[in-house]
mmCIF file of all heavy atoms, coordinates in Angstrom:
data_MODEL
# 
_entry.id   MODEL 
# 
loop_
_atom_site.group_PDB 
_atom_site.id 
_atom_site.type_symbol 
_atom_site.label_atom_id 
_atom_site.label_alt_id 
_atom_site.label_comp_id 
_atom_site.label_asym_id 
_atom_site.label_entity_id 
_atom_site.label_seq_id 
_atom_site.pdbx_PDB_ins_code 
_atom_site.Cartn_x 
_atom_site.Cartn_y 
_atom_site.Cartn_z 
_atom_site.occupancy 
_atom_site.B_iso_or_equiv 
_atom_site.pdbx_formal_charge 
_atom_site.auth_seq_id 
_atom_site.auth_comp_id 
_atom_site.auth_asym_id 
_atom_site.auth_atom_id 
_atom_site.pdbx_PDB_model_num 
ATOM 1   N N   . LEU A 1 1  ? 174.212 171.751 117.457 1.00 0.00 ? 1  LEU A N   1 
ATOM 2   C CA  . LEU A 1 1  ? 174.384 172.144 118.801 1.00 0.00 ? 1  LEU A CA  1 
ATOM 3   C C   . LEU A 1 1  ? 173.143 171.844 119.701 1.00 0.00 ? 1  LEU A C   1 
ATOM 4   O O   . LEU A 1 1  ? 173.254 171.304 120.850 1.00 0.00 ? 1  LEU A O   1 
ATOM 5   C CB  . LEU A 1 1  ? 174.659 173.667 118.934 1.00 0.00 ? 1  LEU A CB  1 
ATOM 6   C CG  . LEU A 1 1  ? 175.333 174.077 120.212 1.00 0.00 ? 1  LEU A CG  1 
ATOM 7   C CD1 . LEU A 1 1  ? 176.709 173.374 120.454 1.00 0.00 ? 1  LEU A CD1 1 
ATOM 8   C CD2 . LEU A 1 1  ? 175.672 175.572 120.207 1.00 0.00 ? 1  LEU A CD2 1 
ATOM 9   N N   . GLY A 1 2  ? 172.030 172.117 119.082 1.00 0.00 ? 2  GLY A N   1 
ATOM 10  C CA  . GLY A 1 2  ? 170.851 171.870 119.762 1.00 0.00 ? 2  GLY A CA  1 
ATOM 11  C C   . GLY A 1 2  ? 170.553 170.339 119.950 1.00 0.00 ? 2  GLY A C   1 
ATOM 12  O O   . GLY A 1 2  ? 170.042 169.923 121.010 1.00 0.00 ? 2  GLY A O   1 
ATOM 13  N N   . GLN A 1 3  ? 170.895 169.641 118.941 1.00 0.00 ? 3  GLN A N   1 
ATOM 14  C CA  . GLN A 1 3  ? 170.698 168.066 119.017 1.00 0.00 ? 3  GLN A CA  1 
ATOM 15  C C   . GLN A 1 3  ? 171.580 167.474 120.040 1.00 0.00 ? 3  GLN A C   1 
ATOM 16  O O   . GLN A 1 3  ? 171.222 166.584 120.786 1.00 0.00 ? 3  GLN A O   1 
ATOM 17  C CB  . GLN A 1 3  ? 170.990 167.592 117.628 1.00 0.00 ? 3  GLN A CB  1 
ATOM 18  C CG  . GLN A 1 3  ? 169.979 167.905 116.548 1.00 0.00 ? 3  GLN A CG  1 
ATOM 19  C CD  . GLN A 1 3  ? 170.408 167.583 115.190 1.00 0.00 ? 3  GLN A CD  1 
ATOM 20  O OE1 . GLN A 1 3  ? 171.563 167.647 114.798 1.00 0.00 ? 3  GLN A OE1 1 
ATOM 21  N NE2 . GLN A 1 3  ? 169.347 167.357 114.270 1.00 0.00 ? 3  GLN A NE2 1 
ATOM 22  N N   . LEU A 1 4  ? 172.913 167.988 120.136 1.00 0.00 ? 4  LEU A N   1 
ATOM 23  C CA  . LEU A 1 4  ? 173.747 167.419 121.257 1.00 0.00 ? 4  LEU A CA  1 
ATOM 24  C C   . LEU A 1 4  ? 173.279 167.866 122.578 1.00 0.00 ? 4  LEU A C   1 
ATOM 25  O O   . LEU A 1 4  ? 173.261 167.083 123.498 1.00 0.00 ? 4  LEU A O   1 
ATOM 26  C CB  . LEU A 1 4  ? 175.171 168.131 120.964 1.00 0.00 ? 4  LEU A CB  1 
ATOM 27  C CG  . LEU A 1 4  ? 175.970 167.533 119.838 1.00 0.00 ? 4  LEU A CG  1 
ATOM 28  C CD1 . LEU A 1 4  ? 177.368 168.376 119.853 1.00 0.00 ? 4  LEU A CD1 1 
ATOM 29  C CD2 . LEU A 1 4  ? 176.180 166.078 119.945 1.00 0.00 ? 4  LEU A CD2 1 
ATOM 30  N N   . ARG A 1 5  ? 172.749 169.115 122.740 1.00 0.00 ? 5  ARG A N   1 
ATOM 31  C CA  . ARG A 1 5  ? 172.159 169.485 123.981 1.00 0.00 ? 5  ARG A CA  1 
ATOM 32  C C   . ARG A 1 5  ? 171.018 168.667 124.406 1.00 0.00 ? 5  ARG A C   1 
ATOM 33  O O   . ARG A 1 5  ? 170.953 168.230 125.570 1.00 0.00 ? 5  ARG A O   1 
ATOM 34  C CB  . ARG A 1 5  ? 171.740 170.996 123.916 1.00 0.00 ? 5  ARG A CB  1 
ATOM 35  C CG  . ARG A 1 5  ? 171.263 171.483 125.270 1.00 0.00 ? 5  ARG A CG  1 
ATOM 36  C CD  . ARG A 1 5  ? 170.866 173.016 125.098 1.00 0.00 ? 5  ARG A CD  1 
ATOM 37  N NE  . ARG A 1 5  ? 172.085 173.906 124.945 1.00 0.00 ? 5  ARG A NE  1 
ATOM 38  C CZ  . ARG A 1 5  ? 172.298 174.438 123.696 1.00 0.00 ? 5  ARG A CZ  1 
ATOM 39  N NH1 . ARG A 1 5  ? 171.469 174.258 122.755 1.00 0.00 ? 5  ARG A NH1 1 
ATOM 40  N NH2 . ARG A 1 5  ? 173.336 175.176 123.556 1.00 0.00 ? 5  ARG A NH2 1 
ATOM 41  N N   . THR A 1 6  ? 170.164 168.277 123.510 1.00 0.00 ? 6  THR A N   1 
ATOM 42  C CA  . THR A 1 6  ? 168.997 167.451 123.815 1.00 0.00 ? 6  THR A CA  1 
ATOM 43  C C   . THR A 1 6  ? 169.508 166.063 124.202 1.00 0.00 ? 6  THR A C   1 
ATOM 44  O O   . THR A 1 6  ? 168.909 165.395 125.242 1.00 0.00 ? 6  THR A O   1 
ATOM 45  C CB  . THR A 1 6  ? 168.092 167.366 122.583 1.00 0.00 ? 6  THR A CB  1 
ATOM 46  O OG1 . THR A 1 6  ? 167.619 168.610 122.261 1.00 0.00 ? 6  THR A OG1 1 
ATOM 47  C CG2 . THR A 1 6  ? 166.970 166.399 122.725 1.00 0.00 ? 6  THR A CG2 1 
ATOM 48  N N   . ALA A 1 7  ? 170.503 165.517 123.495 1.00 0.00 ? 7  ALA A N   1 
ATOM 49  C CA  . ALA A 1 7  ? 171.030 164.177 123.909 1.00 0.00 ? 7  ALA A CA  1 
ATOM 50  C C   . ALA A 1 7  ? 171.703 164.141 125.283 1.00 0.00 ? 7  ALA A C   1 
ATOM 51  O O   . ALA A 1 7  ? 171.399 163.293 126.076 1.00 0.00 ? 7  ALA A O   1 
ATOM 52  C CB  . ALA A 1 7  ? 171.968 163.741 122.882 1.00 0.00 ? 7  ALA A CB  1 
ATOM 53  N N   . TYR A 1 8  ? 172.341 165.221 125.570 1.00 0.00 ? 8  TYR A N   1 
ATOM 54  C CA  . TYR A 1 8  ? 173.022 165.332 126.950 1.00 0.00 ? 8  TYR A CA  1 
ATOM 55  C C   . TYR A 1 8  ? 171.992 165.436 127.985 1.00 0.00 ? 8  TYR A C   1 
ATOM 56  O O   . TYR A 1 8  ? 172.143 164.896 129.045 1.00 0.00 ? 8  TYR A O   1 
ATOM 57  C CB  . TYR A 1 8  ? 173.962 166.551 126.791 1.00 0.00 ? 8  TYR A CB  1 
ATOM 58  C CG  . TYR A 1 8  ? 174.526 167.063 128.157 1.00 0.00 ? 8  TYR A CG  1 
ATOM 59  C CD1 . TYR A 1 8  ? 175.051 166.128 129.114 1.00 0.00 ? 8  TYR A CD1 1 
ATOM 60  C CD2 . TYR A 1 8  ? 174.331 168.406 128.507 1.00 0.00 ? 8  TYR A CD2 1 
ATOM 61  C CE1 . TYR A 1 8  ? 175.608 166.615 130.304 1.00 0.00 ? 8  TYR A CE1 1 
ATOM 62  C CE2 . TYR A 1 8  ? 174.899 168.871 129.758 1.00 0.00 ? 8  TYR A CE2 1 
ATOM 63  C CZ  . TYR A 1 8  ? 175.479 167.943 130.582 1.00 0.00 ? 8  TYR A CZ  1 
ATOM 64  O OH  . TYR A 1 8  ? 175.950 168.426 131.811 1.00 0.00 ? 8  TYR A OH  1 
ATOM 65  N N   . ARG A 1 9  ? 170.996 166.326 127.782 1.00 0.00 ? 9  ARG A N   1 
ATOM 66  C CA  . ARG A 1 9  ? 169.948 166.487 128.874 1.00 0.00 ? 9  ARG A CA  1 
ATOM 67  C C   . ARG A 1 9  ? 169.164 165.122 129.001 1.00 0.00 ? 9  ARG A C   1 
ATOM 68  O O   . ARG A 1 9  ? 168.881 164.831 130.175 1.00 0.00 ? 9  ARG A O   1 
ATOM 69  C CB  . ARG A 1 9  ? 169.050 167.626 128.431 1.00 0.00 ? 9  ARG A CB  1 
ATOM 70  C CG  . ARG A 1 9  ? 169.636 169.033 128.560 1.00 0.00 ? 9  ARG A CG  1 
ATOM 71  C CD  . ARG A 1 9  ? 168.629 170.136 128.110 1.00 0.00 ? 9  ARG A CD  1 
ATOM 72  N NE  . ARG A 1 9  ? 169.228 171.377 128.209 1.00 0.00 ? 9  ARG A NE  1 
ATOM 73  C CZ  . ARG A 1 9  ? 168.809 172.487 127.781 1.00 0.00 ? 9  ARG A CZ  1 
ATOM 74  N NH1 . ARG A 1 9  ? 167.626 172.423 127.118 1.00 0.00 ? 9  ARG A NH1 1 
ATOM 75  N NH2 . ARG A 1 9  ? 169.302 173.684 128.039 1.00 0.00 ? 9  ARG A NH2 1 
ATOM 76  N N   . ALA A 1 10 ? 168.842 164.465 128.008 1.00 0.00 ? 10 ALA A N   1 
ATOM 77  C CA  . ALA A 1 10 ? 168.165 163.277 128.183 1.00 0.00 ? 10 ALA A CA  1 
ATOM 78  C C   . ALA A 1 10 ? 168.939 162.206 128.950 1.00 0.00 ? 10 ALA A C   1 
ATOM 79  O O   . ALA A 1 10 ? 168.424 161.564 129.826 1.00 0.00 ? 10 ALA A O   1 
ATOM 80  C CB  . ALA A 1 10 ? 167.791 162.706 126.753 1.00 0.00 ? 10 ALA A CB  1 
ATOM 81  N N   . ALA A 1 11 ? 170.288 162.216 128.740 1.00 0.00 ? 11 ALA A N   1 
ATOM 82  C CA  . ALA A 1 11 ? 171.139 161.265 129.474 1.00 0.00 ? 11 ALA A CA  1 
ATOM 83  C C   . ALA A 1 11 ? 171.253 161.689 130.923 1.00 0.00 ? 11 ALA A C   1 
ATOM 84  O O   . ALA A 1 11 ? 171.326 160.891 131.883 1.00 0.00 ? 11 ALA A O   1 
ATOM 85  C CB  . ALA A 1 11 ? 172.504 161.126 128.832 1.00 0.00 ? 11 ALA A CB  1 
ATOM 86  N N   . SER A 1 12 ? 171.373 162.973 131.106 1.00 0.00 ? 12 SER A N   1 
ATOM 87  C CA  . SER A 1 12 ? 171.472 163.472 132.428 1.00 0.00 ? 12 SER A CA  1 
ATOM 88  C C   . SER A 1 12 ? 170.266 163.339 133.342 1.00 0.00 ? 12 SER A C   1 
ATOM 89  O O   . SER A 1 12 ? 170.343 163.010 134.538 1.00 0.00 ? 12 SER A O   1 
ATOM 90  C CB  . SER A 1 12 ? 171.772 165.173 132.402 1.00 0.00 ? 12 SER A CB  1 
ATOM 91  O OG  . SER A 1 12 ? 172.954 165.313 131.781 1.00 0.00 ? 12 SER A OG  1 
ATOM 92  N N   . ASP A 1 13 ? 169.112 163.354 132.703 1.00 0.00 ? 13 ASP A N   1 
ATOM 93  C CA  . ASP A 1 13 ? 167.905 163.216 133.369 1.00 0.00 ? 13 ASP A CA  1 
ATOM 94  C C   . ASP A 1 13 ? 167.721 161.752 134.039 1.00 0.00 ? 13 ASP A C   1 
ATOM 95  O O   . ASP A 1 13 ? 167.072 161.664 135.079 1.00 0.00 ? 13 ASP A O   1 
ATOM 96  C CB  . ASP A 1 13 ? 166.605 163.418 132.388 1.00 0.00 ? 13 ASP A CB  1 
ATOM 97  C CG  . ASP A 1 13 ? 166.485 164.849 132.156 1.00 0.00 ? 13 ASP A CG  1 
ATOM 98  O OD1 . ASP A 1 13 ? 167.023 165.763 132.795 1.00 0.00 ? 13 ASP A OD1 1 
ATOM 99  O OD2 . ASP A 1 13 ? 165.752 165.184 131.143 1.00 0.00 ? 13 ASP A OD2 1 
ATOM 100 N N   . VAL A 1 14 ? 168.399 160.800 133.426 1.00 0.00 ? 14 VAL A N   1 
ATOM 101 C CA  . VAL A 1 14 ? 168.317 159.432 134.041 1.00 0.00 ? 14 VAL A CA  1 
ATOM 102 C C   . VAL A 1 14 ? 169.658 159.056 134.575 1.00 0.00 ? 14 VAL A C   1 
ATOM 103 O O   . VAL A 1 14 ? 169.850 157.918 134.833 1.00 0.00 ? 14 VAL A O   1 
ATOM 104 C CB  . VAL A 1 14 ? 167.875 158.501 132.895 1.00 0.00 ? 14 VAL A CB  1 
ATOM 105 C CG1 . VAL A 1 14 ? 166.460 158.706 132.454 1.00 0.00 ? 14 VAL A CG1 1 
ATOM 106 C CG2 . VAL A 1 14 ? 168.883 158.513 131.779 1.00 0.00 ? 14 VAL A CG2 1 
ATOM 107 N N   . GLN A 1 15 ? 170.522 160.000 134.882 1.00 0.00 ? 15 GLN A N   1 
ATOM 108 C CA  . GLN A 1 15 ? 171.878 159.837 135.545 1.00 0.00 ? 15 GLN A CA  1 
ATOM 109 C C   . GLN A 1 15 ? 172.723 158.883 134.686 1.00 0.00 ? 15 GLN A C   1 
ATOM 110 O O   . GLN A 1 15 ? 173.574 158.219 135.301 1.00 0.00 ? 15 GLN A O   1 
ATOM 111 C CB  . GLN A 1 15 ? 171.710 159.282 136.939 1.00 0.00 ? 15 GLN A CB  1 
ATOM 112 C CG  . GLN A 1 15 ? 171.183 160.225 137.993 1.00 0.00 ? 15 GLN A CG  1 
ATOM 113 C CD  . GLN A 1 15 ? 169.646 160.477 137.955 1.00 0.00 ? 15 GLN A CD  1 
ATOM 114 O OE1 . GLN A 1 15 ? 168.877 159.532 137.938 1.00 0.00 ? 15 GLN A OE1 1 
ATOM 115 N NE2 . GLN A 1 15 ? 169.257 161.720 137.763 1.00 0.00 ? 15 GLN A NE2 1 
ATOM 116 N N   . ALA A 1 16 ? 172.519 158.860 133.431 1.00 0.00 ? 16 ALA A N   1 
ATOM 117 C CA  . ALA A 1 16 ? 173.444 158.089 132.553 1.00 0.00 ? 16 ALA A CA  1 
ATOM 118 C C   . ALA A 1 16 ? 174.720 158.832 132.329 1.00 0.00 ? 16 ALA A C   1 
ATOM 119 O O   . ALA A 1 16 ? 175.814 158.221 132.082 1.00 0.00 ? 16 ALA A O   1 
ATOM 120 C CB  . ALA A 1 16 ? 172.755 157.753 131.183 1.00 0.00 ? 16 ALA A CB  1 
ATOM 121 N N   . ALA A 1 17 ? 174.734 160.169 132.356 1.00 0.00 ? 17 ALA A N   1 
ATOM 122 C CA  . ALA A 1 17 ? 175.894 160.982 132.193 1.00 0.00 ? 17 ALA A CA  1 
ATOM 123 C C   . ALA A 1 17 ? 176.421 161.328 133.626 1.00 0.00 ? 17 ALA A C   1 
ATOM 124 O O   . ALA A 1 17 ? 175.642 161.908 134.414 1.00 0.00 ? 17 ALA A O   1 
ATOM 125 C CB  . ALA A 1 17 ? 175.576 162.295 131.509 1.00 0.00 ? 17 ALA A CB  1 
ATOM 126 N N   . GLY A 1 18 ? 177.641 160.859 133.906 1.00 0.00 ? 18 GLY A N   1 
ATOM 127 C CA  . GLY A 1 18 ? 178.215 161.183 135.174 1.00 0.00 ? 18 GLY A CA  1 
ATOM 128 C C   . GLY A 1 18 ? 179.160 162.292 135.111 1.00 0.00 ? 18 GLY A C   1 
ATOM 129 O O   . GLY A 1 18 ? 179.113 163.150 134.225 1.00 0.00 ? 18 GLY A O   1 
ATOM 130 N N   . THR A 1 19 ? 180.076 162.300 136.122 1.00 0.00 ? 19 THR A N   1 
ATOM 131 C CA  . THR A 1 19 ? 180.931 163.457 136.214 1.00 0.00 ? 19 THR A CA  1 
ATOM 132 C C   . THR A 1 19 ? 181.819 163.762 134.938 1.00 0.00 ? 19 THR A C   1 
ATOM 133 O O   . THR A 1 19 ? 181.929 164.941 134.532 1.00 0.00 ? 19 THR A O   1 
ATOM 134 C CB  . THR A 1 19 ? 182.012 163.179 137.410 1.00 0.00 ? 19 THR A CB  1 
ATOM 135 O OG1 . THR A 1 19 ? 181.260 162.990 138.609 1.00 0.00 ? 19 THR A OG1 1 
ATOM 136 C CG2 . THR A 1 19 ? 182.877 164.418 137.620 1.00 0.00 ? 19 THR A CG2 1 
ATOM 137 N N   . VAL A 1 20 ? 182.231 162.673 134.348 1.00 0.00 ? 20 VAL A N   1 
ATOM 138 C CA  . VAL A 1 20 ? 183.291 162.922 133.244 1.00 0.00 ? 20 VAL A CA  1 
ATOM 139 C C   . VAL A 1 20 ? 182.441 163.394 132.031 1.00 0.00 ? 20 VAL A C   1 
ATOM 140 O O   . VAL A 1 20 ? 182.782 164.300 131.368 1.00 0.00 ? 20 VAL A O   1 
ATOM 141 C CB  . VAL A 1 20 ? 184.064 161.625 132.891 1.00 0.00 ? 20 VAL A CB  1 
ATOM 142 C CG1 . VAL A 1 20 ? 184.930 161.836 131.609 1.00 0.00 ? 20 VAL A CG1 1 
ATOM 143 C CG2 . VAL A 1 20 ? 184.923 161.191 134.076 1.00 0.00 ? 20 VAL A CG2 1 
ATOM 144 N N   . LEU A 1 21 ? 181.352 162.666 131.642 1.00 0.00 ? 21 LEU A N   1 
ATOM 145 C CA  . LEU A 1 21 ? 180.618 163.051 130.517 1.00 0.00 ? 21 LEU A CA  1 
ATOM 146 C C   . LEU A 1 21 ? 179.895 164.370 130.712 1.00 0.00 ? 21 LEU A C   1 
ATOM 147 O O   . LEU A 1 21 ? 179.632 165.035 129.716 1.00 0.00 ? 21 LEU A O   1 
ATOM 148 C CB  . LEU A 1 21 ? 179.641 161.946 130.127 1.00 0.00 ? 21 LEU A CB  1 
ATOM 149 C CG  . LEU A 1 21 ? 180.278 160.710 129.551 1.00 0.00 ? 21 LEU A CG  1 
ATOM 150 C CD1 . LEU A 1 21 ? 179.172 159.645 129.022 1.00 0.00 ? 21 LEU A CD1 1 
ATOM 151 C CD2 . LEU A 1 21 ? 181.251 161.020 128.444 1.00 0.00 ? 21 LEU A CD2 1 
ATOM 152 N N   . HIS A 1 22 ? 179.516 164.705 131.908 1.00 0.00 ? 22 HIS A N   1 
ATOM 153 C CA  . HIS A 1 22 ? 178.998 166.031 132.169 1.00 0.00 ? 22 HIS A CA  1 
ATOM 154 C C   . HIS A 1 22 ? 179.941 167.059 131.788 1.00 0.00 ? 22 HIS A C   1 
ATOM 155 O O   . HIS A 1 22 ? 179.647 167.971 131.084 1.00 0.00 ? 22 HIS A O   1 
ATOM 156 C CB  . HIS A 1 22 ? 178.638 166.163 133.747 1.00 0.00 ? 22 HIS A CB  1 
ATOM 157 C CG  . HIS A 1 22 ? 177.312 165.710 134.107 1.00 0.00 ? 22 HIS A CG  1 
ATOM 158 N ND1 . HIS A 1 22 ? 176.147 166.167 133.516 1.00 0.00 ? 22 HIS A ND1 1 
ATOM 159 C CD2 . HIS A 1 22 ? 176.979 164.777 135.117 1.00 0.00 ? 22 HIS A CD2 1 
ATOM 160 C CE1 . HIS A 1 22 ? 175.125 165.536 134.145 1.00 0.00 ? 22 HIS A CE1 1 
ATOM 161 N NE2 . HIS A 1 22 ? 175.570 164.731 135.057 1.00 0.00 ? 22 HIS A NE2 1 
ATOM 162 N N   . ARG A 1 23 ? 181.151 166.910 132.238 1.00 0.00 ? 23 ARG A N   1 
ATOM 163 C CA  . ARG A 1 23 ? 182.208 167.857 131.954 1.00 0.00 ? 23 ARG A CA  1 
ATOM 164 C C   . ARG A 1 23 ? 182.475 167.942 130.479 1.00 0.00 ? 23 ARG A C   1 
ATOM 165 O O   . ARG A 1 23 ? 182.642 168.993 129.802 1.00 0.00 ? 23 ARG A O   1 
ATOM 166 C CB  . ARG A 1 23 ? 183.542 167.457 132.733 1.00 0.00 ? 23 ARG A CB  1 
ATOM 167 C CG  . ARG A 1 23 ? 184.660 168.532 132.600 1.00 0.00 ? 23 ARG A CG  1 
ATOM 168 C CD  . ARG A 1 23 ? 184.226 169.682 133.516 1.00 0.00 ? 23 ARG A CD  1 
ATOM 169 N NE  . ARG A 1 23 ? 185.356 170.715 133.626 1.00 0.00 ? 23 ARG A NE  1 
ATOM 170 C CZ  . ARG A 1 23 ? 185.623 171.458 134.658 1.00 0.00 ? 23 ARG A CZ  1 
ATOM 171 N NH1 . ARG A 1 23 ? 184.938 171.247 135.817 1.00 0.00 ? 23 ARG A NH1 1 
ATOM 172 N NH2 . ARG A 1 23 ? 186.682 172.271 134.620 1.00 0.00 ? 23 ARG A NH2 1 
ATOM 173 N N   . LEU A 1 24 ? 182.591 166.710 129.743 1.00 0.00 ? 24 LEU A N   1 
ATOM 174 C CA  . LEU A 1 24 ? 182.869 166.721 128.297 1.00 0.00 ? 24 LEU A CA  1 
ATOM 175 C C   . LEU A 1 24 ? 181.852 167.376 127.555 1.00 0.00 ? 24 LEU A C   1 
ATOM 176 O O   . LEU A 1 24 ? 182.095 168.171 126.658 1.00 0.00 ? 24 LEU A O   1 
ATOM 177 C CB  . LEU A 1 24 ? 182.965 165.256 127.900 1.00 0.00 ? 24 LEU A CB  1 
ATOM 178 C CG  . LEU A 1 24 ? 183.265 165.043 126.426 1.00 0.00 ? 24 LEU A CG  1 
ATOM 179 C CD1 . LEU A 1 24 ? 184.513 165.785 125.897 1.00 0.00 ? 24 LEU A CD1 1 
ATOM 180 C CD2 . LEU A 1 24 ? 183.293 163.580 126.072 1.00 0.00 ? 24 LEU A CD2 1 
ATOM 181 N N   . PHE A 1 25 ? 180.538 167.118 127.809 1.00 0.00 ? 25 PHE A N   1 
ATOM 182 C CA  . PHE A 1 25 ? 179.504 167.698 127.034 1.00 0.00 ? 25 PHE A CA  1 
ATOM 183 C C   . PHE A 1 25 ? 179.344 169.275 127.335 1.00 0.00 ? 25 PHE A C   1 
ATOM 184 O O   . PHE A 1 25 ? 179.098 169.956 126.394 1.00 0.00 ? 25 PHE A O   1 
ATOM 185 C CB  . PHE A 1 25 ? 178.135 167.001 127.238 1.00 0.00 ? 25 PHE A CB  1 
ATOM 186 C CG  . PHE A 1 25 ? 177.996 165.804 126.325 1.00 0.00 ? 25 PHE A CG  1 
ATOM 187 C CD1 . PHE A 1 25 ? 178.577 164.561 126.526 1.00 0.00 ? 25 PHE A CD1 1 
ATOM 188 C CD2 . PHE A 1 25 ? 177.180 165.939 125.098 1.00 0.00 ? 25 PHE A CD2 1 
ATOM 189 C CE1 . PHE A 1 25 ? 178.500 163.522 125.674 1.00 0.00 ? 25 PHE A CE1 1 
ATOM 190 C CE2 . PHE A 1 25 ? 177.128 164.901 124.242 1.00 0.00 ? 25 PHE A CE2 1 
ATOM 191 C CZ  . PHE A 1 25 ? 177.676 163.642 124.561 1.00 0.00 ? 25 PHE A CZ  1 
ATOM 192 N N   . GLU A 1 26 ? 179.636 169.553 128.532 1.00 0.00 ? 26 GLU A N   1 
ATOM 193 C CA  . GLU A 1 26 ? 179.509 170.979 128.865 1.00 0.00 ? 26 GLU A CA  1 
ATOM 194 C C   . GLU A 1 26 ? 180.640 171.718 128.088 1.00 0.00 ? 26 GLU A C   1 
ATOM 195 O O   . GLU A 1 26 ? 180.500 172.837 127.607 1.00 0.00 ? 26 GLU A O   1 
ATOM 196 C CB  . GLU A 1 26 ? 179.646 171.215 130.340 1.00 0.00 ? 26 GLU A CB  1 
ATOM 197 C CG  . GLU A 1 26 ? 178.396 170.825 131.145 1.00 0.00 ? 26 GLU A CG  1 
ATOM 198 C CD  . GLU A 1 26 ? 178.672 170.752 132.673 1.00 0.00 ? 26 GLU A CD  1 
ATOM 199 O OE1 . GLU A 1 26 ? 179.746 171.046 133.101 1.00 0.00 ? 26 GLU A OE1 1 
ATOM 200 O OE2 . GLU A 1 26 ? 177.661 170.534 133.461 1.00 0.00 ? 26 GLU A OE2 1 
ATOM 201 N N   . THR A 1 27 ? 181.766 171.104 128.021 1.00 0.00 ? 27 THR A N   1 
ATOM 202 C CA  . THR A 1 27 ? 182.979 171.674 127.233 1.00 0.00 ? 27 THR A CA  1 
ATOM 203 C C   . THR A 1 27 ? 182.617 171.738 125.832 1.00 0.00 ? 27 THR A C   1 
ATOM 204 O O   . THR A 1 27 ? 182.764 172.838 125.168 1.00 0.00 ? 27 THR A O   1 
ATOM 205 C CB  . THR A 1 27 ? 184.250 170.858 127.473 1.00 0.00 ? 27 THR A CB  1 
ATOM 206 O OG1 . THR A 1 27 ? 184.557 170.754 128.814 1.00 0.00 ? 27 THR A OG1 1 
ATOM 207 C CG2 . THR A 1 27 ? 185.425 171.345 126.546 1.00 0.00 ? 27 THR A CG2 1 
# 
């Protein structure tokens, strides 16, 4: 869970995760 959170935050920091992947990873 922590590894997924780290990957998601790293992508979010550079705007690689947009609306859909934001929602998917938060889910």
